[in-house]
Protein backbone atom coordinates (compact mmCIF):
# COMPACT_ATOMS: atom_id res chain seq x y z
CA MET A 1 9.35 27.59 0.13
CA ALA A 2 10.03 23.96 -0.74
CA ARG A 3 8.45 21.26 1.38
CA THR A 4 10.80 19.05 3.30
CA TYR A 5 10.24 15.58 4.70
CA ASP A 6 11.89 13.63 7.47
CA VAL A 7 11.06 10.31 5.83
CA LEU A 8 10.51 9.47 2.18
CA THR A 9 9.50 5.90 1.31
CA MET A 10 9.04 4.32 -2.10
CA GLY A 11 7.41 1.04 -3.09
CA ARG A 12 4.23 -0.99 -2.92
CA SER A 13 0.92 0.02 -1.35
CA SER A 14 -1.89 -2.49 -1.10
CA ILE A 15 -5.06 -3.53 0.60
CA ASP A 16 -4.27 -6.35 3.03
CA LEU A 17 -7.16 -8.69 3.75
CA TYR A 18 -6.66 -10.73 6.94
CA ALA A 19 -8.87 -13.79 7.36
CA HIS A 20 -10.99 -13.97 10.50
CA GLN A 21 -10.91 -17.76 10.55
CA ILE A 22 -7.70 -19.30 11.88
CA GLY A 23 -6.46 -22.75 10.95
CA VAL A 24 -8.75 -23.33 8.00
CA PRO A 25 -7.80 -23.63 4.32
CA MET A 26 -8.18 -20.43 2.32
CA THR A 27 -11.12 -22.04 0.51
CA GLU A 28 -13.02 -22.11 3.81
CA VAL A 29 -12.37 -18.51 4.82
CA THR A 30 -15.62 -16.54 4.84
CA SER A 31 -14.65 -13.09 6.10
CA PHE A 32 -11.71 -10.68 6.26
CA ASP A 33 -10.61 -7.41 7.87
CA ALA A 34 -9.21 -4.82 5.47
CA TYR A 35 -6.07 -2.78 6.19
CA VAL A 36 -3.66 -0.71 4.13
CA GLY A 37 -0.30 -2.44 3.74
CA GLY A 38 3.00 -2.59 1.95
CA CYS A 39 6.31 -2.16 3.75
CA PRO A 40 7.07 1.41 2.56
CA THR A 41 3.48 2.41 3.28
CA ASN A 42 3.66 1.02 6.81
CA ILE A 43 6.96 2.79 7.45
CA SER A 44 5.62 6.11 6.17
CA VAL A 45 2.51 5.84 8.36
CA GLY A 46 4.52 4.76 11.40
CA ALA A 47 6.93 7.66 10.98
CA ARG A 48 4.02 10.09 10.72
CA ARG A 49 2.45 8.65 13.88
CA LEU A 50 5.75 9.35 15.63
CA GLY A 51 5.49 13.00 14.59
CA LEU A 52 7.78 12.99 11.55
CA ARG A 53 6.86 14.52 8.20
CA SER A 54 6.57 11.62 5.77
CA ALA A 55 5.84 11.21 2.09
CA LEU A 56 5.11 8.06 0.12
CA LEU A 57 6.07 7.44 -3.51
CA THR A 58 3.94 4.67 -4.99
CA ALA A 59 1.10 4.25 -7.46
CA VAL A 60 -2.43 2.98 -7.07
CA GLY A 61 -4.95 1.81 -9.58
CA ASP A 62 -7.90 3.86 -10.70
CA ASP A 63 -10.21 1.72 -8.56
CA GLN A 64 -12.00 1.68 -5.21
CA VAL A 65 -9.04 0.00 -3.53
CA GLY A 66 -6.85 2.91 -4.65
CA GLU A 67 -9.40 5.27 -3.11
CA PHE A 68 -9.27 3.20 0.11
CA VAL A 69 -5.46 3.53 0.25
CA LEU A 70 -5.44 7.27 -0.50
CA ALA A 71 -8.21 8.02 2.04
CA PHE A 72 -6.27 6.14 4.73
CA LEU A 73 -3.04 8.02 3.95
CA SER A 74 -4.92 11.33 4.08
CA ARG A 75 -6.40 10.50 7.48
CA GLU A 76 -2.93 9.55 8.74
CA GLY A 77 -1.35 12.78 7.46
CA VAL A 78 1.08 11.11 5.04
CA GLU A 79 1.95 13.26 2.01
CA ALA A 80 0.33 11.55 -0.96
CA ARG A 81 0.58 14.18 -3.69
CA PHE A 82 3.20 12.13 -5.53
CA ILE A 83 0.90 9.10 -5.85
CA PRO A 84 -0.61 8.79 -9.33
CA ARG A 85 -3.82 6.90 -10.10
CA LYS A 86 -2.97 4.47 -12.91
CA LYS A 87 -5.85 4.30 -15.35
CA GLY A 88 -6.66 0.74 -16.34
CA ARG A 89 -4.58 -0.74 -13.47
CA ARG A 90 -5.67 -2.32 -10.22
CA THR A 91 -4.25 -1.56 -6.80
CA SER A 92 -2.36 -4.45 -5.20
CA ALA A 93 -4.32 -6.82 -2.98
CA VAL A 94 -2.98 -9.33 -0.46
CA LEU A 95 -4.94 -12.16 1.20
CA MET A 96 -3.57 -13.62 4.44
CA ALA A 97 -4.57 -16.49 6.72
CA ILE A 98 -2.96 -18.17 9.73
CA GLN A 99 -2.38 -21.91 9.36
CA PRO A 100 -1.53 -23.68 12.65
CA PRO A 101 0.09 -25.79 14.03
CA ASP A 102 3.20 -23.81 13.10
CA ALA A 103 1.30 -20.47 12.93
CA ARG A 104 2.77 -19.54 9.57
CA TRP A 105 1.04 -17.03 7.34
CA SER A 106 -0.37 -17.95 3.97
CA ARG A 107 -0.04 -15.02 1.64
CA SER A 108 -1.32 -14.38 -1.83
CA SER A 109 -0.43 -11.11 -3.50
CA SER A 110 -1.42 -9.31 -6.64
CA GLU A 111 0.84 -6.37 -7.45
CA ARG A 112 -0.45 -4.20 -10.22
CA ALA A 113 -0.14 -0.41 -10.34
CA ALA A 114 2.83 0.05 -7.98
CA ARG A 115 5.21 -2.02 -10.11
CA HIS A 116 4.85 0.51 -12.93
CA CYS A 117 6.59 3.28 -10.94
CA ARG A 118 10.19 4.28 -11.37
CA ALA A 119 12.41 6.96 -9.89
CA THR A 120 13.44 9.77 -12.19
CA THR A 121 15.74 12.74 -12.07
CA THR A 122 13.00 15.22 -13.01
CA SER A 123 11.70 17.87 -10.62
CA ARG A 124 8.94 15.47 -9.59
CA PRO A 125 10.26 12.78 -7.20
CA ALA A 126 8.59 9.90 -9.03
CA SER A 127 6.84 9.25 -12.27
CA CYS A 128 5.19 6.21 -13.68
CA THR A 129 5.89 4.43 -16.90
CA PRO A 130 3.19 4.62 -19.55
CA CYS A 131 0.61 1.85 -19.46
């Protein structure tokens, strides 16, 4: 029997590093909290937490950050069998800090493996372009 999903998301997955220090330049930040991020990833996890069956189509690098992302998705119950590990690529990383007085976010992003994915019409929902 074919598996069915309530929600299928496709796009970037990353490690999001949020600075502990608020109101300091990025050069003065000394520590971060690490979370899994990326809009489609967040939606897939949120849908799963609401009891829906969700799957994520993305790619991660063949690195420890990719392992971090995949372990998180596994713990959350998000279907990750369509997520390839891209040899020689790095998983996206985002650094964020809050800069008062206007409380805007400073964001620096590095998108690597996920941008090499494309939708196809094959029996597999997603495949990645050759490196």
